[in-house]
Amino acid sequence: MRDPALTFLLILVIGAVAGLIFDRLAGPGWLARQVTGPRGYLTSALVGIAGAFIGFHLAVLLRLTGDLTSFIAAALGAALILFVWRAIR
């Protein structure tokens, strides 16, 4: 069994990293980043964290076994939510 505090921290890190990578790859241009500042990075990180929590808990609800499977689901959830968020925005 895994430690709940460690799981929480890992999901936070997975979501934040996914958000930052997504913002870097699919984010606004250089000029828009200069105008908005670090808010774009922070928003993407927070949306990535939300997606990671959604993906992780969906994996748990679907009884996908294994620690690695749950964390892969967290990364996929973060990517999916970031993609949908960017498409809506």
N, C-alpha and C. Protein backbone atom coordinates (compact mmCIF):
# COMPACT_ATOMS: atom_id res chain seq x y z
N MET A 1 0.83 -1.18 0.00
CA MET A 1 0.00 0.00 0.00
C MET A 1 0.88 1.24 0.00
N ARG A 2 0.38 2.32 -0.52
CA ARG A 2 1.17 3.53 -0.58
C ARG A 2 0.76 4.52 0.52
N ASP A 3 1.69 5.39 0.82
CA ASP A 3 1.46 6.42 1.82
C ASP A 3 0.59 7.52 1.20
N PRO A 4 -0.51 7.90 1.85
CA PRO A 4 -1.40 8.91 1.27
C PRO A 4 -0.74 10.27 1.06
N ALA A 5 0.14 10.67 1.96
CA ALA A 5 0.82 11.96 1.81
C ALA A 5 1.75 11.94 0.60
N LEU A 6 2.46 10.84 0.41
CA LEU A 6 3.35 10.73 -0.74
C LEU A 6 2.56 10.68 -2.05
N THR A 7 1.44 9.99 -2.04
CA THR A 7 0.58 9.93 -3.22
C THR A 7 0.07 11.32 -3.56
N PHE A 8 -0.37 12.06 -2.56
CA PHE A 8 -0.85 13.43 -2.76
C PHE A 8 0.23 14.30 -3.39
N LEU A 9 1.44 14.23 -2.84
CA LEU A 9 2.54 15.03 -3.38
C LEU A 9 2.91 14.63 -4.80
N LEU A 10 2.90 13.33 -5.08
CA LEU A 10 3.22 12.88 -6.43
C LEU A 10 2.18 13.35 -7.45
N ILE A 11 0.92 13.34 -7.07
CA ILE A 11 -0.12 13.82 -7.97
C ILE A 11 0.03 15.32 -8.19
N LEU A 12 0.37 16.06 -7.14
CA LEU A 12 0.62 17.50 -7.30
C LEU A 12 1.76 17.75 -8.28
N VAL A 13 2.84 17.01 -8.12
CA VAL A 13 4.01 17.19 -8.99
C VAL A 13 3.68 16.80 -10.42
N ILE A 14 3.00 15.68 -10.61
CA ILE A 14 2.63 15.24 -11.95
C ILE A 14 1.76 16.29 -12.64
N GLY A 15 0.77 16.82 -11.94
CA GLY A 15 -0.12 17.82 -12.52
C GLY A 15 0.59 19.12 -12.83
N ALA A 16 1.43 19.59 -11.91
CA ALA A 16 2.14 20.84 -12.12
C ALA A 16 3.12 20.72 -13.29
N VAL A 17 3.85 19.63 -13.34
CA VAL A 17 4.81 19.43 -14.44
C VAL A 17 4.08 19.32 -15.78
N ALA A 18 2.97 18.59 -15.79
CA ALA A 18 2.19 18.47 -17.02
C ALA A 18 1.68 19.83 -17.46
N GLY A 19 1.21 20.64 -16.52
CA GLY A 19 0.72 21.97 -16.85
C GLY A 19 1.82 22.87 -17.40
N LEU A 20 2.98 22.83 -16.79
CA LEU A 20 4.09 23.66 -17.25
C LEU A 20 4.61 23.22 -18.62
N ILE A 21 4.69 21.91 -18.82
CA ILE A 21 5.13 21.41 -20.13
C ILE A 21 4.10 21.76 -21.20
N PHE A 22 2.83 21.59 -20.89
CA PHE A 22 1.78 21.91 -21.85
C PHE A 22 1.79 23.39 -22.18
N ASP A 23 1.97 24.24 -21.17
CA ASP A 23 2.01 25.68 -21.42
C ASP A 23 3.21 26.05 -22.28
N ARG A 24 4.31 25.36 -22.05
CA ARG A 24 5.53 25.65 -22.83
C ARG A 24 5.36 25.22 -24.29
N LEU A 25 4.70 24.07 -24.51
CA LEU A 25 4.56 23.55 -25.87
C LEU A 25 3.38 24.16 -26.62
N ALA A 26 2.24 24.34 -25.95
CA ALA A 26 1.03 24.78 -26.65
C ALA A 26 0.53 26.12 -26.16
N GLY A 27 1.33 26.81 -25.38
CA GLY A 27 0.90 28.06 -24.80
C GLY A 27 0.93 29.22 -25.77
N PRO A 28 0.64 30.40 -25.25
CA PRO A 28 0.66 31.60 -26.09
C PRO A 28 2.07 31.94 -26.53
N GLY A 29 2.15 32.86 -27.43
CA GLY A 29 3.44 33.25 -27.98
C GLY A 29 4.29 34.04 -26.99
N TRP A 30 5.48 34.38 -27.42
CA TRP A 30 6.43 35.07 -26.56
C TRP A 30 5.89 36.42 -26.09
N LEU A 31 5.28 37.19 -26.99
CA LEU A 31 4.78 38.51 -26.64
C LEU A 31 3.65 38.42 -25.61
N ALA A 32 2.76 37.46 -25.78
CA ALA A 32 1.67 37.29 -24.82
C ALA A 32 2.22 36.91 -23.45
N ARG A 33 3.26 36.12 -23.41
CA ARG A 33 3.88 35.76 -22.13
C ARG A 33 4.50 36.98 -21.46
N GLN A 34 5.07 37.87 -22.25
CA GLN A 34 5.68 39.07 -21.69
C GLN A 34 4.63 39.99 -21.08
N VAL A 35 3.44 40.03 -21.66
CA VAL A 35 2.37 40.89 -21.17
C VAL A 35 1.71 40.29 -19.93
N THR A 36 1.39 38.99 -19.98
CA THR A 36 0.67 38.36 -18.87
C THR A 36 1.58 37.96 -17.73
N GLY A 37 2.84 37.76 -17.99
CA GLY A 37 3.77 37.37 -16.94
C GLY A 37 3.60 35.92 -16.54
N PRO A 38 3.90 35.62 -15.27
CA PRO A 38 3.86 34.22 -14.82
C PRO A 38 2.45 33.69 -14.57
N ARG A 39 1.41 34.51 -14.74
CA ARG A 39 0.06 34.03 -14.50
C ARG A 39 -0.32 32.87 -15.40
N GLY A 40 0.13 32.88 -16.63
CA GLY A 40 -0.17 31.78 -17.55
C GLY A 40 0.41 30.47 -17.07
N TYR A 41 1.63 30.51 -16.55
CA TYR A 41 2.26 29.31 -16.02
C TYR A 41 1.51 28.80 -14.79
N LEU A 42 1.13 29.71 -13.91
CA LEU A 42 0.44 29.31 -12.70
C LEU A 42 -0.92 28.70 -13.02
N THR A 43 -1.65 29.31 -13.94
CA THR A 43 -2.96 28.79 -14.32
C THR A 43 -2.83 27.41 -14.96
N SER A 44 -1.88 27.23 -15.84
CA SER A 44 -1.67 25.93 -16.47
C SER A 44 -1.28 24.87 -15.45
N ALA A 45 -0.45 25.25 -14.48
CA ALA A 45 -0.06 24.29 -13.44
C ALA A 45 -1.26 23.89 -12.60
N LEU A 46 -2.11 24.85 -12.26
CA LEU A 46 -3.29 24.53 -11.45
C LEU A 46 -4.29 23.68 -12.22
N VAL A 47 -4.48 23.95 -13.49
CA VAL A 47 -5.38 23.12 -14.31
C VAL A 47 -4.79 21.72 -14.46
N GLY A 48 -3.49 21.63 -14.62
CA GLY A 48 -2.83 20.32 -14.69
C GLY A 48 -2.99 19.52 -13.41
N ILE A 49 -2.89 20.20 -12.27
CA ILE A 49 -3.08 19.52 -10.98
C ILE A 49 -4.50 19.01 -10.86
N ALA A 50 -5.48 19.83 -11.27
CA ALA A 50 -6.88 19.38 -11.22
C ALA A 50 -7.08 18.16 -12.12
N GLY A 51 -6.51 18.19 -13.31
CA GLY A 51 -6.63 17.05 -14.22
C GLY A 51 -5.95 15.81 -13.68
N ALA A 52 -4.82 15.98 -13.00
CA ALA A 52 -4.12 14.84 -12.43
C ALA A 52 -4.96 14.19 -11.33
N PHE A 53 -5.60 15.00 -10.51
CA PHE A 53 -6.46 14.44 -9.47
C PHE A 53 -7.66 13.72 -10.09
N ILE A 54 -8.24 14.29 -11.13
CA ILE A 54 -9.37 13.64 -11.80
C ILE A 54 -8.93 12.31 -12.40
N GLY A 55 -7.82 12.30 -13.12
CA GLY A 55 -7.33 11.07 -13.73
C GLY A 55 -6.99 10.00 -12.71
N PHE A 56 -6.33 10.39 -11.63
CA PHE A 56 -5.95 9.44 -10.59
C PHE A 56 -7.19 8.82 -9.95
N HIS A 57 -8.15 9.65 -9.60
CA HIS A 57 -9.34 9.12 -8.92
C HIS A 57 -10.23 8.31 -9.86
N LEU A 58 -10.24 8.64 -11.14
CA LEU A 58 -10.96 7.80 -12.09
C LEU A 58 -10.32 6.42 -12.18
N ALA A 59 -8.99 6.37 -12.16
CA ALA A 59 -8.29 5.09 -12.19
C ALA A 59 -8.61 4.27 -10.95
N VAL A 60 -8.69 4.93 -9.81
CA VAL A 60 -9.04 4.23 -8.57
C VAL A 60 -10.48 3.72 -8.64
N LEU A 61 -11.39 4.55 -9.13
CA LEU A 61 -12.79 4.14 -9.24
C LEU A 61 -12.98 2.98 -10.22
N LEU A 62 -12.18 2.98 -11.29
CA LEU A 62 -12.26 1.89 -12.27
C LEU A 62 -11.46 0.67 -11.85
N ARG A 63 -10.87 0.76 -10.68
CA ARG A 63 -10.08 -0.34 -10.10
C ARG A 63 -8.92 -0.77 -11.00
N LEU A 64 -8.27 0.21 -11.61
CA LEU A 64 -7.04 -0.07 -12.35
C LEU A 64 -5.94 -0.28 -11.32
N THR A 65 -5.43 -1.47 -11.27
CA THR A 65 -4.51 -1.83 -10.20
C THR A 65 -3.10 -1.40 -10.52
N GLY A 66 -2.33 -1.24 -9.49
CA GLY A 66 -0.92 -0.90 -9.64
C GLY A 66 -0.67 0.58 -9.42
N ASP A 67 0.42 0.85 -8.74
CA ASP A 67 0.78 2.24 -8.47
C ASP A 67 1.11 2.98 -9.76
N LEU A 68 1.86 2.33 -10.62
CA LEU A 68 2.28 2.98 -11.86
C LEU A 68 1.07 3.29 -12.74
N THR A 69 0.11 2.40 -12.79
CA THR A 69 -1.08 2.61 -13.60
C THR A 69 -1.86 3.83 -13.12
N SER A 70 -1.98 4.00 -11.83
CA SER A 70 -2.70 5.15 -11.28
C SER A 70 -1.99 6.45 -11.61
N PHE A 71 -0.67 6.44 -11.55
CA PHE A 71 0.07 7.66 -11.85
C PHE A 71 0.10 7.97 -13.35
N ILE A 72 0.08 6.95 -14.17
CA ILE A 72 -0.05 7.17 -15.61
C ILE A 72 -1.42 7.75 -15.91
N ALA A 73 -2.44 7.25 -15.24
CA ALA A 73 -3.79 7.80 -15.41
C ALA A 73 -3.83 9.26 -14.95
N ALA A 74 -3.09 9.60 -13.91
CA ALA A 74 -3.01 10.99 -13.45
C ALA A 74 -2.39 11.87 -14.53
N ALA A 75 -1.33 11.40 -15.15
CA ALA A 75 -0.68 12.18 -16.22
C ALA A 75 -1.60 12.32 -17.43
N LEU A 76 -2.29 11.25 -17.79
CA LEU A 76 -3.22 11.31 -18.91
C LEU A 76 -4.41 12.22 -18.60
N GLY A 77 -4.89 12.16 -17.37
CA GLY A 77 -5.98 13.05 -16.96
C GLY A 77 -5.57 14.50 -17.02
N ALA A 78 -4.35 14.79 -16.57
CA ALA A 78 -3.85 16.17 -16.63
C ALA A 78 -3.75 16.64 -18.08
N ALA A 79 -3.22 15.79 -18.95
CA ALA A 79 -3.08 16.17 -20.36
C ALA A 79 -4.44 16.39 -21.01
N LEU A 80 -5.39 15.52 -20.72
CA LEU A 80 -6.72 15.64 -21.30
C LEU A 80 -7.44 16.91 -20.83
N ILE A 81 -7.39 17.18 -19.54
CA ILE A 81 -8.04 18.38 -19.01
C ILE A 81 -7.35 19.64 -19.55
N LEU A 82 -6.04 19.63 -19.66
CA LEU A 82 -5.33 20.78 -20.22
C LEU A 82 -5.71 21.00 -21.68
N PHE A 83 -5.83 19.92 -22.42
CA PHE A 83 -6.21 20.04 -23.83
C PHE A 83 -7.62 20.61 -23.97
N VAL A 84 -8.55 20.09 -23.17
CA VAL A 84 -9.94 20.58 -23.21
C VAL A 84 -10.00 22.03 -22.76
N TRP A 85 -9.27 22.36 -21.70
CA TRP A 85 -9.25 23.73 -21.21
C TRP A 85 -8.71 24.69 -22.26
N ARG A 86 -7.67 24.29 -22.95
CA ARG A 86 -7.08 25.14 -23.99
C ARG A 86 -8.02 25.27 -25.18
N ALA A 87 -8.75 24.20 -25.51
CA ALA A 87 -9.68 24.25 -26.64
C ALA A 87 -10.87 25.16 -26.32
N ILE A 88 -11.33 25.16 -25.09
CA ILE A 88 -12.46 26.00 -24.69
C ILE A 88 -12.03 27.46 -24.63
N ARG A 89 -10.85 27.69 -24.12
CA ARG A 89 -10.33 29.04 -23.96
C ARG A 89 -10.02 29.58 -25.30
